Amino acid sequence: APRGTLPGSKFAQWVSRVEKAADPGAMVQAFLDGQHSFPVIEDGRYAHILYSGDASELALQSDALGTGVAWPLNRVGSTDLYYVSLELERDARISYQFTNTLGEARTDPRNPAKAVSQNFPGDVSLLLMPEADRALPTPRSLHGRVRDLTFDSGSATAVHLRWGGKRHIRVYLPPGYESGRERYPTV
């Protein structure tokens, strides 16, 4: 199966029906009009991130896929609806955005939940699964502090990818961390 599809899902069955329909555009519009929120969550474990419009040059990047990974969107037949489907934990809370071939990022226009990410440039959209904590942190709820750090990690190259060099990172330190003795593992 193509990446970003879930063949056993109800959504995949719907996509198959649309691809065989006499008027696929009408089926897509009826489906979109029938949704109460986006992304579309199915059975509490599948998330279908949708984009309608010209998306031939768009890909999805998400912390669920890993840093530096972008998946091309799958097209629903000959329509202007594109998607990526993911199987996630019931309490997952992920950020995502659409990117084009020039590296320009945009949020999901159908999803009102937005945030800022340390992993991606600009704003991101939030995907909150049914059991996810919906409280967003505010400066008042973060009782520790955030430190801005810079380090040089050296650089590496593989095929057409290059990473490393001078990096800027933000690290959240919980209350009392600097004066305490306890240290935490980091990634």
N, C-alpha and C. Protein backbone atom coordinates (compact mmCIF):
# COMPACT_ATOMS: atom_id res chain seq x y z
N ALA A 1 0.84 -1.19 0.00
CA ALA A 1 0.00 0.00 0.00
C ALA A 1 0.88 1.24 0.00
N PRO A 2 0.45 2.30 -0.68
CA PRO A 2 1.23 3.54 -0.67
C PRO A 2 1.37 4.09 0.75
N ARG A 3 2.47 4.77 1.00
CA ARG A 3 2.72 5.37 2.29
C ARG A 3 1.62 6.41 2.59
N GLY A 4 1.16 6.42 3.84
CA GLY A 4 0.12 7.37 4.21
C GLY A 4 -1.29 6.90 3.90
N THR A 5 -1.43 5.60 3.65
CA THR A 5 -2.76 5.02 3.46
C THR A 5 -2.96 3.92 4.50
N LEU A 6 -4.20 3.67 4.85
CA LEU A 6 -4.55 2.59 5.78
C LEU A 6 -5.60 1.73 5.09
N PRO A 7 -5.17 0.71 4.34
CA PRO A 7 -6.09 -0.07 3.50
C PRO A 7 -7.29 -0.66 4.23
N GLY A 8 -7.19 -0.98 5.51
CA GLY A 8 -8.32 -1.57 6.22
C GLY A 8 -9.28 -0.56 6.81
N SER A 9 -9.04 0.72 6.61
CA SER A 9 -9.89 1.75 7.24
C SER A 9 -11.15 2.01 6.43
N LYS A 10 -12.15 2.58 7.09
CA LYS A 10 -13.38 2.98 6.41
C LYS A 10 -13.09 4.08 5.41
N PHE A 11 -12.15 4.96 5.76
CA PHE A 11 -11.79 6.04 4.84
C PHE A 11 -11.21 5.46 3.55
N ALA A 12 -10.36 4.46 3.64
CA ALA A 12 -9.79 3.83 2.44
C ALA A 12 -10.89 3.20 1.58
N GLN A 13 -11.89 2.62 2.22
CA GLN A 13 -13.02 2.06 1.47
C GLN A 13 -13.79 3.17 0.76
N TRP A 14 -13.96 4.32 1.45
CA TRP A 14 -14.64 5.46 0.85
C TRP A 14 -13.84 5.97 -0.35
N VAL A 15 -12.52 6.07 -0.21
CA VAL A 15 -11.66 6.52 -1.32
C VAL A 15 -11.84 5.60 -2.53
N SER A 16 -11.90 4.31 -2.29
CA SER A 16 -12.09 3.35 -3.38
C SER A 16 -13.43 3.58 -4.09
N ARG A 17 -14.48 3.86 -3.32
CA ARG A 17 -15.80 4.13 -3.94
C ARG A 17 -15.76 5.44 -4.76
N VAL A 18 -15.09 6.45 -4.24
CA VAL A 18 -14.99 7.73 -4.95
C VAL A 18 -14.27 7.53 -6.28
N GLU A 19 -13.22 6.75 -6.28
CA GLU A 19 -12.43 6.54 -7.49
C GLU A 19 -13.21 5.83 -8.58
N LYS A 20 -14.28 5.13 -8.21
CA LYS A 20 -15.11 4.41 -9.18
C LYS A 20 -16.41 5.15 -9.51
N ALA A 21 -16.67 6.27 -8.82
CA ALA A 21 -17.95 6.97 -8.94
C ALA A 21 -18.07 7.75 -10.23
N ALA A 22 -19.32 7.94 -10.68
CA ALA A 22 -19.59 8.75 -11.87
C ALA A 22 -19.35 10.23 -11.60
N ASP A 23 -19.63 10.69 -10.36
CA ASP A 23 -19.42 12.09 -10.00
C ASP A 23 -18.60 12.15 -8.70
N PRO A 24 -17.29 11.92 -8.80
CA PRO A 24 -16.46 11.90 -7.61
C PRO A 24 -16.41 13.23 -6.87
N GLY A 25 -16.49 14.33 -7.60
CA GLY A 25 -16.45 15.65 -6.98
C GLY A 25 -17.61 15.86 -6.02
N ALA A 26 -18.80 15.39 -6.40
CA ALA A 26 -19.98 15.52 -5.54
C ALA A 26 -19.81 14.67 -4.27
N MET A 27 -19.23 13.48 -4.42
CA MET A 27 -19.00 12.62 -3.24
C MET A 27 -18.02 13.28 -2.28
N VAL A 28 -16.97 13.89 -2.83
CA VAL A 28 -15.97 14.56 -1.98
C VAL A 28 -16.63 15.73 -1.25
N GLN A 29 -17.40 16.54 -1.97
CA GLN A 29 -18.04 17.70 -1.33
C GLN A 29 -19.01 17.25 -0.23
N ALA A 30 -19.79 16.20 -0.49
CA ALA A 30 -20.72 15.70 0.52
C ALA A 30 -19.95 15.19 1.75
N PHE A 31 -18.83 14.52 1.52
CA PHE A 31 -18.02 14.01 2.63
C PHE A 31 -17.48 15.17 3.47
N LEU A 32 -16.90 16.18 2.81
CA LEU A 32 -16.33 17.32 3.53
C LEU A 32 -17.41 18.08 4.29
N ASP A 33 -18.57 18.25 3.66
CA ASP A 33 -19.68 18.96 4.33
C ASP A 33 -20.18 18.20 5.55
N GLY A 34 -20.02 16.88 5.55
CA GLY A 34 -20.51 16.06 6.66
C GLY A 34 -19.56 15.94 7.84
N GLN A 35 -18.36 16.53 7.73
CA GLN A 35 -17.39 16.42 8.82
C GLN A 35 -17.58 17.56 9.82
N HIS A 36 -17.41 17.23 11.10
CA HIS A 36 -17.56 18.23 12.16
C HIS A 36 -16.22 18.82 12.56
N SER A 37 -15.13 18.11 12.30
CA SER A 37 -13.81 18.62 12.66
C SER A 37 -12.76 17.97 11.75
N PHE A 38 -11.62 18.63 11.69
CA PHE A 38 -10.51 18.16 10.89
C PHE A 38 -9.25 18.21 11.73
N PRO A 39 -8.34 17.27 11.53
CA PRO A 39 -8.38 16.07 10.70
C PRO A 39 -9.54 15.14 11.10
N VAL A 40 -9.85 14.24 10.20
CA VAL A 40 -10.93 13.29 10.44
C VAL A 40 -10.37 12.13 11.26
N ILE A 41 -10.99 11.88 12.41
CA ILE A 41 -10.56 10.79 13.30
C ILE A 41 -11.53 9.63 13.13
N GLU A 42 -10.99 8.46 12.90
CA GLU A 42 -11.82 7.26 12.68
C GLU A 42 -11.51 6.23 13.76
N ASP A 43 -12.56 5.76 14.43
CA ASP A 43 -12.45 4.69 15.43
C ASP A 43 -11.42 4.97 16.53
N GLY A 44 -11.14 6.24 16.79
CA GLY A 44 -10.24 6.61 17.87
C GLY A 44 -8.78 6.24 17.66
N ARG A 45 -8.43 5.73 16.47
CA ARG A 45 -7.03 5.33 16.24
C ARG A 45 -6.48 5.73 14.89
N TYR A 46 -7.33 6.07 13.94
CA TYR A 46 -6.87 6.52 12.63
C TYR A 46 -7.12 8.01 12.51
N ALA A 47 -6.15 8.71 11.95
CA ALA A 47 -6.30 10.14 11.66
C ALA A 47 -6.08 10.35 10.18
N HIS A 48 -7.01 11.04 9.54
CA HIS A 48 -6.92 11.32 8.11
C HIS A 48 -6.76 12.83 7.94
N ILE A 49 -5.58 13.25 7.53
CA ILE A 49 -5.27 14.66 7.33
C ILE A 49 -5.57 14.97 5.87
N LEU A 50 -6.49 15.91 5.65
CA LEU A 50 -6.99 16.19 4.31
C LEU A 50 -6.57 17.56 3.83
N TYR A 51 -6.41 17.69 2.52
CA TYR A 51 -6.13 18.98 1.90
C TYR A 51 -6.88 19.01 0.59
N SER A 52 -7.66 20.07 0.35
CA SER A 52 -8.33 20.20 -0.94
C SER A 52 -7.79 21.42 -1.66
N GLY A 53 -7.59 21.28 -2.94
CA GLY A 53 -6.99 22.32 -3.76
C GLY A 53 -5.83 21.71 -4.53
N ASP A 54 -5.03 22.57 -5.14
CA ASP A 54 -3.88 22.07 -5.89
C ASP A 54 -2.80 21.66 -4.90
N ALA A 55 -2.58 20.38 -4.76
CA ALA A 55 -1.59 19.86 -3.81
C ALA A 55 -0.57 18.97 -4.50
N SER A 56 -0.44 19.10 -5.81
CA SER A 56 0.49 18.23 -6.53
C SER A 56 1.93 18.41 -6.06
N GLU A 57 2.25 19.56 -5.48
CA GLU A 57 3.61 19.83 -5.00
C GLU A 57 3.71 19.79 -3.48
N LEU A 58 2.65 19.35 -2.78
CA LEU A 58 2.64 19.38 -1.31
C LEU A 58 3.00 18.04 -0.70
N ALA A 59 3.59 18.13 0.49
CA ALA A 59 3.89 16.95 1.29
C ALA A 59 3.51 17.28 2.73
N LEU A 60 3.39 16.25 3.54
CA LEU A 60 3.08 16.42 4.96
C LEU A 60 4.34 16.17 5.76
N GLN A 61 4.65 17.08 6.67
CA GLN A 61 5.70 16.80 7.64
C GLN A 61 5.05 16.88 9.02
N SER A 62 5.49 15.98 9.89
CA SER A 62 4.90 15.86 11.21
C SER A 62 5.89 15.24 12.17
N ASP A 63 5.76 15.59 13.44
CA ASP A 63 6.63 14.95 14.42
C ASP A 63 6.29 13.47 14.56
N ALA A 64 5.14 13.05 14.05
CA ALA A 64 4.80 11.63 14.06
C ALA A 64 5.60 10.86 13.01
N LEU A 65 6.12 11.55 12.01
CA LEU A 65 6.87 10.90 10.94
C LEU A 65 8.37 10.91 11.22
N GLY A 66 8.82 11.84 12.05
CA GLY A 66 10.24 11.99 12.35
C GLY A 66 10.78 13.27 11.75
N THR A 67 11.81 13.78 12.33
CA THR A 67 12.42 15.03 11.87
C THR A 67 13.05 14.84 10.49
N GLY A 68 12.78 15.77 9.61
CA GLY A 68 13.35 15.73 8.27
C GLY A 68 12.63 14.81 7.31
N VAL A 69 11.50 14.24 7.73
CA VAL A 69 10.75 13.32 6.89
C VAL A 69 9.47 14.02 6.41
N ALA A 70 9.20 13.93 5.13
CA ALA A 70 7.96 14.47 4.56
C ALA A 70 7.36 13.41 3.64
N TRP A 71 6.05 13.20 3.78
CA TRP A 71 5.36 12.24 2.93
C TRP A 71 4.52 12.98 1.91
N PRO A 72 4.60 12.59 0.63
CA PRO A 72 3.71 13.20 -0.37
C PRO A 72 2.26 12.87 -0.03
N LEU A 73 1.38 13.79 -0.37
CA LEU A 73 -0.05 13.56 -0.14
C LEU A 73 -0.59 12.61 -1.20
N ASN A 74 -1.53 11.76 -0.82
CA ASN A 74 -2.19 10.83 -1.74
C ASN A 74 -3.42 11.51 -2.31
N ARG A 75 -3.61 11.39 -3.61
CA ARG A 75 -4.76 12.02 -4.27
C ARG A 75 -5.94 11.05 -4.30
N VAL A 76 -7.12 11.58 -4.08
CA VAL A 76 -8.35 10.78 -4.18
C VAL A 76 -8.82 10.84 -5.62
N GLY A 77 -8.51 9.79 -6.37
CA GLY A 77 -8.92 9.71 -7.78
C GLY A 77 -8.50 10.92 -8.58
N SER A 78 -9.45 11.49 -9.33
CA SER A 78 -9.17 12.67 -10.15
C SER A 78 -9.64 13.95 -9.48
N THR A 79 -10.01 13.87 -8.20
CA THR A 79 -10.52 15.04 -7.48
C THR A 79 -9.38 15.93 -7.00
N ASP A 80 -9.74 17.03 -6.36
CA ASP A 80 -8.72 17.91 -5.78
C ASP A 80 -8.56 17.67 -4.28
N LEU A 81 -8.95 16.48 -3.81
CA LEU A 81 -8.79 16.11 -2.40
C LEU A 81 -7.56 15.21 -2.27
N TYR A 82 -6.70 15.57 -1.33
CA TYR A 82 -5.47 14.83 -1.04
C TYR A 82 -5.46 14.48 0.43
N TYR A 83 -4.71 13.45 0.80
CA TYR A 83 -4.71 13.02 2.20
C TYR A 83 -3.45 12.25 2.57
N VAL A 84 -3.23 12.17 3.88
CA VAL A 84 -2.31 11.22 4.49
C VAL A 84 -3.06 10.64 5.67
N SER A 85 -3.07 9.32 5.78
CA SER A 85 -3.71 8.64 6.90
C SER A 85 -2.64 8.05 7.81
N LEU A 86 -2.86 8.19 9.12
CA LEU A 86 -1.91 7.71 10.12
C LEU A 86 -2.64 6.91 11.17
N GLU A 87 -2.00 5.85 11.66
CA GLU A 87 -2.53 5.14 12.82
C GLU A 87 -1.75 5.65 14.03
N LEU A 88 -2.49 6.17 15.02
CA LEU A 88 -1.87 6.81 16.18
C LEU A 88 -2.44 6.24 17.48
N GLU A 89 -1.73 6.47 18.57
CA GLU A 89 -2.24 6.11 19.89
C GLU A 89 -3.46 6.99 20.20
N ARG A 90 -4.37 6.47 21.02
CA ARG A 90 -5.60 7.18 21.33
C ARG A 90 -5.35 8.51 22.06
N ASP A 91 -4.19 8.65 22.72
CA ASP A 91 -3.90 9.89 23.44
C ASP A 91 -2.81 10.71 22.74
N ALA A 92 -2.56 10.43 21.47
CA ALA A 92 -1.51 11.14 20.73
C ALA A 92 -1.87 12.60 20.54
N ARG A 93 -0.82 13.38 20.55
CA ARG A 93 -0.94 14.82 20.32
C ARG A 93 0.25 15.17 19.44
N ILE A 94 -0.01 15.44 18.16
CA ILE A 94 1.09 15.67 17.23
C ILE A 94 0.93 17.02 16.52
N SER A 95 2.04 17.52 16.02
CA SER A 95 2.01 18.73 15.20
C SER A 95 2.32 18.32 13.76
N TYR A 96 1.77 19.11 12.83
CA TYR A 96 2.02 18.83 11.42
C TYR A 96 1.85 20.11 10.61
N GLN A 97 2.37 20.08 9.40
CA GLN A 97 2.17 21.17 8.46
C GLN A 97 2.39 20.63 7.05
N PHE A 98 1.88 21.37 6.09
CA PHE A 98 2.08 21.04 4.68
C PHE A 98 3.28 21.84 4.17
N THR A 99 4.12 21.21 3.34
CA THR A 99 5.25 21.91 2.75
C THR A 99 5.24 21.70 1.24
N ASN A 100 5.77 22.69 0.54
CA ASN A 100 5.87 22.51 -0.92
C ASN A 100 7.32 22.24 -1.29
N THR A 101 7.57 22.08 -2.57
CA THR A 101 8.90 21.70 -3.02
C THR A 101 9.94 22.79 -2.77
N LEU A 102 9.50 24.02 -2.52
CA LEU A 102 10.42 25.11 -2.20
C LEU A 102 10.72 25.19 -0.71
N GLY A 103 10.11 24.29 0.07
CA GLY A 103 10.32 24.29 1.51
C GLY A 103 9.42 25.24 2.27
N GLU A 104 8.47 25.86 1.58
CA GLU A 104 7.53 26.77 2.25
C GLU A 104 6.50 25.94 2.99
N ALA A 105 6.24 26.33 4.24
CA ALA A 105 5.32 25.57 5.09
C ALA A 105 4.02 26.33 5.28
N ARG A 106 2.94 25.57 5.47
CA ARG A 106 1.64 26.18 5.77
C ARG A 106 0.86 25.25 6.70
N THR A 107 0.00 25.85 7.47
CA THR A 107 -0.84 25.06 8.37
C THR A 107 -2.03 24.51 7.60
N ASP A 108 -2.78 23.65 8.26
CA ASP A 108 -3.98 23.05 7.68
C ASP A 108 -5.12 24.07 7.76
N PRO A 109 -5.62 24.54 6.62
CA PRO A 109 -6.67 25.56 6.66
C PRO A 109 -7.99 25.07 7.25
N ARG A 110 -8.21 23.77 7.32
CA ARG A 110 -9.45 23.23 7.89
C ARG A 110 -9.36 22.99 9.39
N ASN A 111 -8.16 23.05 9.95
CA ASN A 111 -7.96 22.74 11.36
C ASN A 111 -7.67 24.02 12.13
N PRO A 112 -8.56 24.43 13.04
CA PRO A 112 -8.33 25.68 13.78
C PRO A 112 -7.27 25.56 14.89
N ALA A 113 -6.88 24.37 15.27
CA ALA A 113 -5.90 24.18 16.36
C ALA A 113 -4.49 24.43 15.81
N LYS A 114 -3.89 25.54 16.23
CA LYS A 114 -2.57 25.94 15.75
C LYS A 114 -1.63 26.11 16.94
N ALA A 115 -0.33 26.03 16.67
CA ALA A 115 0.69 26.21 17.71
C ALA A 115 2.00 26.58 17.03
N VAL A 116 3.01 26.79 17.85
CA VAL A 116 4.37 27.01 17.37
C VAL A 116 5.16 25.78 17.75
N SER A 117 6.04 25.33 16.87
CA SER A 117 6.81 24.12 17.11
C SER A 117 8.29 24.45 17.15
N GLN A 118 9.02 23.71 17.95
CA GLN A 118 10.47 23.83 17.92
C GLN A 118 11.07 22.96 16.82
N ASN A 119 10.26 22.08 16.24
CA ASN A 119 10.74 21.16 15.22
C ASN A 119 10.57 21.66 13.80
N PHE A 120 9.61 22.57 13.58
CA PHE A 120 9.30 23.01 12.23
C PHE A 120 9.25 24.53 12.16
N PRO A 121 9.57 25.10 11.01
CA PRO A 121 9.50 26.56 10.88
C PRO A 121 8.06 27.04 10.85
N GLY A 122 7.82 28.17 11.45
CA GLY A 122 6.49 28.76 11.40
C GLY A 122 5.47 28.03 12.25
N ASP A 123 4.22 28.40 12.05
CA ASP A 123 3.13 27.78 12.79
C ASP A 123 2.88 26.36 12.31
N VAL A 124 2.32 25.55 13.20
CA VAL A 124 1.93 24.18 12.87
C VAL A 124 0.47 23.98 13.26
N SER A 125 -0.13 22.97 12.69
CA SER A 125 -1.46 22.55 13.10
C SER A 125 -1.31 21.43 14.12
N LEU A 126 -2.27 21.35 15.05
CA LEU A 126 -2.25 20.31 16.07
C LEU A 126 -3.30 19.26 15.77
N LEU A 127 -2.91 18.02 15.88
CA LEU A 127 -3.83 16.90 15.75
C LEU A 127 -3.94 16.29 17.14
N LEU A 128 -5.13 16.33 17.70
CA LEU A 128 -5.38 15.81 19.04
C LEU A 128 -6.30 14.60 18.93
N MET A 129 -5.78 13.44 19.26
CA MET A 129 -6.60 12.23 19.24
C MET A 129 -7.60 12.29 20.40
N PRO A 130 -8.61 11.41 20.40
CA PRO A 130 -9.71 11.52 21.35
C PRO A 130 -9.31 11.59 22.83
N GLU A 131 -8.27 10.90 23.25
CA GLU A 131 -7.89 10.90 24.66
C GLU A 131 -6.70 11.81 24.96
N ALA A 132 -6.33 12.66 24.00
CA ALA A 132 -5.18 13.56 24.17
C ALA A 132 -5.51 14.67 25.16
N ASP A 133 -4.49 15.11 25.89
CA ASP A 133 -4.62 16.27 26.77
C ASP A 133 -4.84 17.48 25.87
N ARG A 134 -5.95 18.18 26.05
CA ARG A 134 -6.28 19.30 25.20
C ARG A 134 -5.81 20.64 25.77
N ALA A 135 -5.25 20.63 26.96
CA ALA A 135 -4.76 21.87 27.55
C ALA A 135 -3.46 22.28 26.86
N LEU A 136 -3.43 23.48 26.39
CA LEU A 136 -2.21 24.00 25.77
C LEU A 136 -1.42 24.75 26.83
N PRO A 137 -0.11 24.56 26.88
CA PRO A 137 0.67 25.27 27.89
C PRO A 137 0.66 26.77 27.63
N THR A 138 0.63 27.51 28.69
CA THR A 138 0.72 28.97 28.62
C THR A 138 1.94 29.38 29.41
N PRO A 139 2.43 30.59 29.22
CA PRO A 139 3.59 31.02 30.00
C PRO A 139 3.36 30.89 31.50
N ARG A 140 2.12 31.06 31.97
CA ARG A 140 1.84 30.94 33.41
C ARG A 140 1.91 29.50 33.88
N SER A 141 1.58 28.53 32.99
CA SER A 141 1.58 27.13 33.42
C SER A 141 2.98 26.51 33.39
N LEU A 142 3.92 27.16 32.72
CA LEU A 142 5.28 26.65 32.67
C LEU A 142 6.08 27.32 33.79
N HIS A 143 6.26 26.63 34.89
CA HIS A 143 6.90 27.22 36.06
C HIS A 143 8.41 27.14 36.02
N GLY A 144 8.97 26.43 35.10
CA GLY A 144 10.42 26.39 34.95
C GLY A 144 10.85 27.54 34.07
N ARG A 145 11.90 27.31 33.31
CA ARG A 145 12.32 28.34 32.38
C ARG A 145 12.87 27.69 31.11
N VAL A 146 12.87 28.46 30.04
CA VAL A 146 13.37 28.00 28.75
C VAL A 146 14.71 28.68 28.51
N ARG A 147 15.72 27.87 28.18
CA ARG A 147 17.06 28.40 27.89
C ARG A 147 17.32 28.25 26.40
N ASP A 148 17.81 29.31 25.79
CA ASP A 148 18.22 29.27 24.39
C ASP A 148 19.71 28.95 24.35
N LEU A 149 20.06 27.89 23.63
CA LEU A 149 21.45 27.44 23.56
C LEU A 149 21.89 27.32 22.11
N THR A 150 23.18 27.42 21.89
CA THR A 150 23.76 27.22 20.56
C THR A 150 24.94 26.26 20.72
N PHE A 151 25.07 25.33 19.80
CA PHE A 151 26.22 24.43 19.81
C PHE A 151 26.57 24.05 18.39
N ASP A 152 27.79 23.62 18.20
CA ASP A 152 28.26 23.19 16.89
C ASP A 152 28.40 21.68 16.93
N SER A 153 27.59 20.99 16.15
CA SER A 153 27.58 19.54 16.17
C SER A 153 28.45 18.93 15.09
N GLY A 154 29.20 19.75 14.37
CA GLY A 154 29.91 19.21 13.23
C GLY A 154 28.89 19.00 12.11
N SER A 155 29.30 18.56 10.99
CA SER A 155 28.33 18.34 9.92
C SER A 155 28.55 16.97 9.29
N ALA A 156 27.50 16.48 8.69
CA ALA A 156 27.54 15.18 8.02
C ALA A 156 26.73 15.27 6.74
N THR A 157 27.08 14.46 5.78
CA THR A 157 26.38 14.43 4.50
C THR A 157 26.15 12.98 4.11
N ALA A 158 24.96 12.69 3.59
CA ALA A 158 24.63 11.37 3.07
C ALA A 158 23.72 11.57 1.87
N VAL A 159 24.08 11.03 0.77
CA VAL A 159 23.35 11.18 -0.49
C VAL A 159 23.14 12.68 -0.73
N HIS A 160 21.88 13.14 -0.74
CA HIS A 160 21.60 14.56 -0.98
C HIS A 160 21.27 15.31 0.32
N LEU A 161 21.35 14.65 1.46
CA LEU A 161 21.02 15.28 2.73
C LEU A 161 22.26 15.80 3.44
N ARG A 162 22.10 16.92 4.12
CA ARG A 162 23.19 17.48 4.91
C ARG A 162 22.60 17.94 6.23
N TRP A 163 23.25 17.64 7.33
CA TRP A 163 22.78 18.07 8.62
C TRP A 163 23.96 18.39 9.52
N GLY A 164 23.62 19.03 10.63
CA GLY A 164 24.66 19.39 11.58
C GLY A 164 25.07 20.84 11.43
N GLY A 165 26.24 21.15 11.96
CA GLY A 165 26.72 22.53 11.94
C GLY A 165 26.23 23.27 13.17
N LYS A 166 26.19 24.58 13.08
CA LYS A 166 25.75 25.41 14.20
C LYS A 166 24.24 25.25 14.38
N ARG A 167 23.83 24.89 15.57
CA ARG A 167 22.41 24.61 15.85
C ARG A 167 21.92 25.48 17.00
N HIS A 168 20.71 25.94 16.89
CA HIS A 168 20.06 26.68 17.97
C HIS A 168 18.97 25.78 18.54
N ILE A 169 18.96 25.62 19.84
CA ILE A 169 17.94 24.79 20.48
C ILE A 169 17.36 25.53 21.67
N ARG A 170 16.16 25.14 22.03
CA ARG A 170 15.50 25.67 23.21
C ARG A 170 15.27 24.50 24.15
N VAL A 171 15.65 24.67 25.40
CA VAL A 171 15.52 23.60 26.39
C VAL A 171 14.68 24.10 27.55
N TYR A 172 13.64 23.34 27.88
CA TYR A 172 12.81 23.67 29.04
C TYR A 172 13.42 23.00 30.27
N LEU A 173 13.67 23.79 31.30
CA LEU A 173 14.19 23.27 32.57
C LEU A 173 13.09 23.39 33.61
N PRO A 174 12.72 22.29 34.26
CA PRO A 174 11.65 22.34 35.26
C PRO A 174 12.06 23.19 36.46
N PRO A 175 11.08 23.61 37.27
CA PRO A 175 11.40 24.43 38.44
C PRO A 175 12.44 23.74 39.33
N GLY A 176 13.44 24.47 39.77
CA GLY A 176 14.45 23.95 40.67
C GLY A 176 15.53 23.12 40.01
N TYR A 177 15.52 22.96 38.70
CA TYR A 177 16.48 22.09 38.03
C TYR A 177 17.92 22.56 38.24
N GLU A 178 18.15 23.84 38.03
CA GLU A 178 19.52 24.35 38.09
C GLU A 178 20.12 24.26 39.50
N SER A 179 19.29 24.41 40.52
CA SER A 179 19.81 24.34 41.89
C SER A 179 19.73 22.93 42.46
N GLY A 180 19.00 22.03 41.81
CA GLY A 180 18.83 20.66 42.30
C GLY A 180 19.93 19.74 41.81
N ARG A 181 19.86 18.50 42.27
CA ARG A 181 20.87 17.50 41.90
C ARG A 181 20.36 16.53 40.85
N GLU A 182 19.05 16.41 40.73
CA GLU A 182 18.47 15.45 39.79
C GLU A 182 18.69 15.93 38.35
N ARG A 183 19.08 14.99 37.48
CA ARG A 183 19.26 15.29 36.06
C ARG A 183 18.39 14.32 35.26
N TYR A 184 18.01 14.74 34.08
CA TYR A 184 17.08 13.96 33.27
C TYR A 184 17.76 13.54 31.96
N PRO A 185 17.39 12.39 31.44
CA PRO A 185 17.95 11.98 30.14
C PRO A 185 17.42 12.92 29.05
N THR A 186 18.20 13.12 28.03
CA THR A 186 17.78 13.98 26.92
C THR A 186 17.95 13.25 25.61
N VAL A 187 17.26 13.76 24.61
CA VAL A 187 17.35 13.19 23.27
C VAL A 187 17.95 14.24 22.36
